[in-house]
Amino acid sequence: LQDVPVDETVLMDYVRRFQQMALQKMYDEHSRKAAEFSKNNDERFIIELEECKKIKEQMTLVLKG
């Protein structure tokens, strides 16, 4: 990191990357739950799919900056 200039653009890029990683982790967890609920014919899978959709929308917004 010593060779990287520390300015607002660089810092915001790091922030977006960390946000993306956190959102991806949340998405993976809700996706896993949706799959489990679906296998067991549990209607809660719909709630988990909705969460996945919301998270994907957030991920898109983060990418746009």
N, C-alpha and C. Protein backbone atom coordinates (compact mmCIF):
# COMPACT_ATOMS: atom_id res chain seq x y z
N LEU A 1 0.80 -1.20 0.00
CA LEU A 1 0.00 0.00 0.00
C LEU A 1 0.85 1.27 0.00
N GLN A 2 2.11 1.13 0.30
CA GLN A 2 2.95 2.32 0.35
C GLN A 2 3.07 2.98 -1.02
N ASP A 3 2.97 2.20 -2.09
CA ASP A 3 3.11 2.73 -3.44
C ASP A 3 1.81 3.31 -3.98
N VAL A 4 0.71 3.07 -3.27
CA VAL A 4 -0.59 3.54 -3.73
C VAL A 4 -0.86 4.93 -3.17
N PRO A 5 -1.15 5.89 -4.04
CA PRO A 5 -1.48 7.22 -3.52
C PRO A 5 -2.80 7.17 -2.75
N VAL A 6 -2.81 7.81 -1.62
CA VAL A 6 -4.00 7.80 -0.79
C VAL A 6 -4.80 9.06 -1.11
N ASP A 7 -5.83 8.86 -1.89
CA ASP A 7 -6.74 9.96 -2.16
C ASP A 7 -8.16 9.43 -2.08
N GLU A 8 -9.09 10.31 -2.24
CA GLU A 8 -10.50 9.93 -2.06
C GLU A 8 -10.94 8.84 -3.04
N THR A 9 -10.47 8.89 -4.26
CA THR A 9 -10.86 7.89 -5.26
C THR A 9 -10.40 6.50 -4.84
N VAL A 10 -9.16 6.41 -4.41
CA VAL A 10 -8.61 5.12 -3.98
C VAL A 10 -9.36 4.61 -2.76
N LEU A 11 -9.58 5.48 -1.80
CA LEU A 11 -10.29 5.07 -0.58
C LEU A 11 -11.71 4.61 -0.89
N MET A 12 -12.40 5.33 -1.76
CA MET A 12 -13.77 4.94 -2.12
C MET A 12 -13.79 3.61 -2.86
N ASP A 13 -12.77 3.34 -3.65
CA ASP A 13 -12.66 2.06 -4.33
C ASP A 13 -12.55 0.93 -3.31
N TYR A 14 -11.73 1.13 -2.29
CA TYR A 14 -11.60 0.13 -1.24
C TYR A 14 -12.92 -0.07 -0.49
N VAL A 15 -13.59 1.02 -0.20
CA VAL A 15 -14.88 0.94 0.50
C VAL A 15 -15.87 0.12 -0.33
N ARG A 16 -15.94 0.42 -1.63
CA ARG A 16 -16.86 -0.32 -2.50
C ARG A 16 -16.51 -1.81 -2.54
N ARG A 17 -15.23 -2.10 -2.59
CA ARG A 17 -14.82 -3.52 -2.62
C ARG A 17 -15.23 -4.24 -1.35
N PHE A 18 -15.04 -3.60 -0.20
CA PHE A 18 -15.44 -4.22 1.06
C PHE A 18 -16.96 -4.36 1.15
N GLN A 19 -17.68 -3.36 0.66
CA GLN A 19 -19.14 -3.45 0.64
C GLN A 19 -19.58 -4.61 -0.24
N GLN A 20 -18.97 -4.74 -1.41
CA GLN A 20 -19.30 -5.83 -2.32
C GLN A 20 -19.04 -7.19 -1.67
N MET A 21 -17.92 -7.31 -1.00
CA MET A 21 -17.60 -8.58 -0.34
C MET A 21 -18.63 -8.91 0.73
N ALA A 22 -19.02 -7.92 1.52
CA ALA A 22 -20.00 -8.15 2.57
C ALA A 22 -21.36 -8.52 1.97
N LEU A 23 -21.76 -7.81 0.93
CA LEU A 23 -23.04 -8.11 0.28
C LEU A 23 -23.01 -9.49 -0.36
N GLN A 24 -21.89 -9.86 -0.96
CA GLN A 24 -21.78 -11.18 -1.58
C GLN A 24 -21.92 -12.27 -0.53
N LYS A 25 -21.32 -12.04 0.62
CA LYS A 25 -21.42 -13.02 1.71
C LYS A 25 -22.88 -13.17 2.16
N MET A 26 -23.57 -12.03 2.29
CA MET A 26 -24.99 -12.07 2.67
C MET A 26 -25.81 -12.79 1.60
N TYR A 27 -25.53 -12.48 0.33
CA TYR A 27 -26.25 -13.10 -0.77
C TYR A 27 -26.05 -14.62 -0.74
N ASP A 28 -24.82 -15.05 -0.57
CA ASP A 28 -24.53 -16.48 -0.53
C ASP A 28 -25.29 -17.18 0.59
N GLU A 29 -25.36 -16.54 1.74
CA GLU A 29 -26.07 -17.13 2.89
C GLU A 29 -27.57 -17.25 2.61
N HIS A 30 -28.18 -16.19 2.09
CA HIS A 30 -29.61 -16.24 1.80
C HIS A 30 -29.91 -17.20 0.66
N SER A 31 -29.01 -17.28 -0.28
CA SER A 31 -29.17 -18.22 -1.40
C SER A 31 -29.13 -19.67 -0.88
N ARG A 32 -28.20 -19.93 0.02
CA ARG A 32 -28.09 -21.26 0.61
C ARG A 32 -29.38 -21.62 1.38
N LYS A 33 -29.88 -20.66 2.15
CA LYS A 33 -31.11 -20.89 2.90
C LYS A 33 -32.29 -21.15 1.96
N ALA A 34 -32.37 -20.36 0.88
CA ALA A 34 -33.45 -20.54 -0.09
C ALA A 34 -33.41 -21.94 -0.68
N ALA A 35 -32.23 -22.40 -1.01
CA ALA A 35 -32.09 -23.74 -1.58
C ALA A 35 -32.53 -24.81 -0.59
N GLU A 36 -32.13 -24.65 0.67
CA GLU A 36 -32.53 -25.62 1.70
C GLU A 36 -34.05 -25.63 1.89
N PHE A 37 -34.63 -24.45 2.00
CA PHE A 37 -36.09 -24.36 2.18
C PHE A 37 -36.81 -24.95 0.98
N SER A 38 -36.29 -24.71 -0.20
CA SER A 38 -36.91 -25.23 -1.41
C SER A 38 -36.89 -26.76 -1.43
N LYS A 39 -35.77 -27.34 -1.01
CA LYS A 39 -35.65 -28.80 -0.97
C LYS A 39 -36.67 -29.42 -0.03
N ASN A 40 -36.99 -28.69 1.03
CA ASN A 40 -37.91 -29.19 2.05
C ASN A 40 -39.34 -28.71 1.84
N ASN A 41 -39.61 -28.14 0.66
CA ASN A 41 -40.94 -27.60 0.35
C ASN A 41 -41.43 -26.61 1.41
N ASP A 42 -40.50 -25.84 1.92
CA ASP A 42 -40.80 -24.83 2.93
C ASP A 42 -41.02 -23.50 2.23
N GLU A 43 -42.15 -22.88 2.47
CA GLU A 43 -42.49 -21.63 1.77
C GLU A 43 -41.59 -20.46 2.16
N ARG A 44 -40.78 -20.63 3.18
CA ARG A 44 -39.86 -19.55 3.56
C ARG A 44 -38.82 -19.27 2.47
N PHE A 45 -38.71 -20.20 1.50
CA PHE A 45 -37.75 -19.97 0.43
C PHE A 45 -38.09 -18.70 -0.35
N ILE A 46 -39.37 -18.35 -0.40
CA ILE A 46 -39.79 -17.13 -1.11
C ILE A 46 -39.20 -15.90 -0.42
N ILE A 47 -39.22 -15.88 0.89
CA ILE A 47 -38.65 -14.76 1.66
C ILE A 47 -37.15 -14.67 1.39
N GLU A 48 -36.49 -15.80 1.35
CA GLU A 48 -35.05 -15.80 1.11
C GLU A 48 -34.73 -15.34 -0.32
N LEU A 49 -35.54 -15.73 -1.27
CA LEU A 49 -35.34 -15.27 -2.65
C LEU A 49 -35.54 -13.76 -2.75
N GLU A 50 -36.50 -13.23 -2.02
CA GLU A 50 -36.71 -11.78 -2.00
C GLU A 50 -35.49 -11.07 -1.42
N GLU A 51 -34.92 -11.65 -0.38
CA GLU A 51 -33.72 -11.07 0.22
C GLU A 51 -32.57 -11.09 -0.79
N CYS A 52 -32.45 -12.18 -1.52
CA CYS A 52 -31.40 -12.27 -2.55
C CYS A 52 -31.58 -11.17 -3.59
N LYS A 53 -32.81 -10.94 -3.98
CA LYS A 53 -33.09 -9.90 -4.97
C LYS A 53 -32.69 -8.52 -4.44
N LYS A 54 -33.05 -8.23 -3.18
CA LYS A 54 -32.70 -6.95 -2.57
C LYS A 54 -31.19 -6.77 -2.50
N ILE A 55 -30.50 -7.82 -2.12
CA ILE A 55 -29.05 -7.75 -2.00
C ILE A 55 -28.41 -7.52 -3.37
N LYS A 56 -28.91 -8.21 -4.39
CA LYS A 56 -28.38 -8.02 -5.75
C LYS A 56 -28.58 -6.57 -6.19
N GLU A 57 -29.71 -5.99 -5.85
CA GLU A 57 -29.97 -4.59 -6.20
C GLU A 57 -28.97 -3.67 -5.49
N GLN A 58 -28.69 -3.97 -4.22
CA GLN A 58 -27.70 -3.19 -3.46
C GLN A 58 -26.32 -3.33 -4.08
N MET A 59 -25.99 -4.54 -4.52
CA MET A 59 -24.70 -4.78 -5.14
C MET A 59 -24.56 -3.96 -6.43
N THR A 60 -25.62 -3.87 -7.18
CA THR A 60 -25.61 -3.07 -8.41
C THR A 60 -25.36 -1.61 -8.09
N LEU A 61 -26.03 -1.11 -7.05
CA LEU A 61 -25.85 0.29 -6.65
C LEU A 61 -24.42 0.56 -6.20
N VAL A 62 -23.85 -0.36 -5.47
CA VAL A 62 -22.46 -0.19 -4.99
C VAL A 62 -21.51 -0.13 -6.18
N LEU A 63 -21.74 -0.99 -7.16
CA LEU A 63 -20.87 -1.00 -8.34
C LEU A 63 -20.94 0.31 -9.12
N LYS A 64 -22.12 0.90 -9.14
CA LYS A 64 -22.27 2.17 -9.86
C LYS A 64 -21.58 3.31 -9.12
N GLY A 65 -21.40 3.11 -7.82
CA GLY A 65 -20.71 4.12 -7.01
C GLY A 65 -21.59 5.24 -6.68
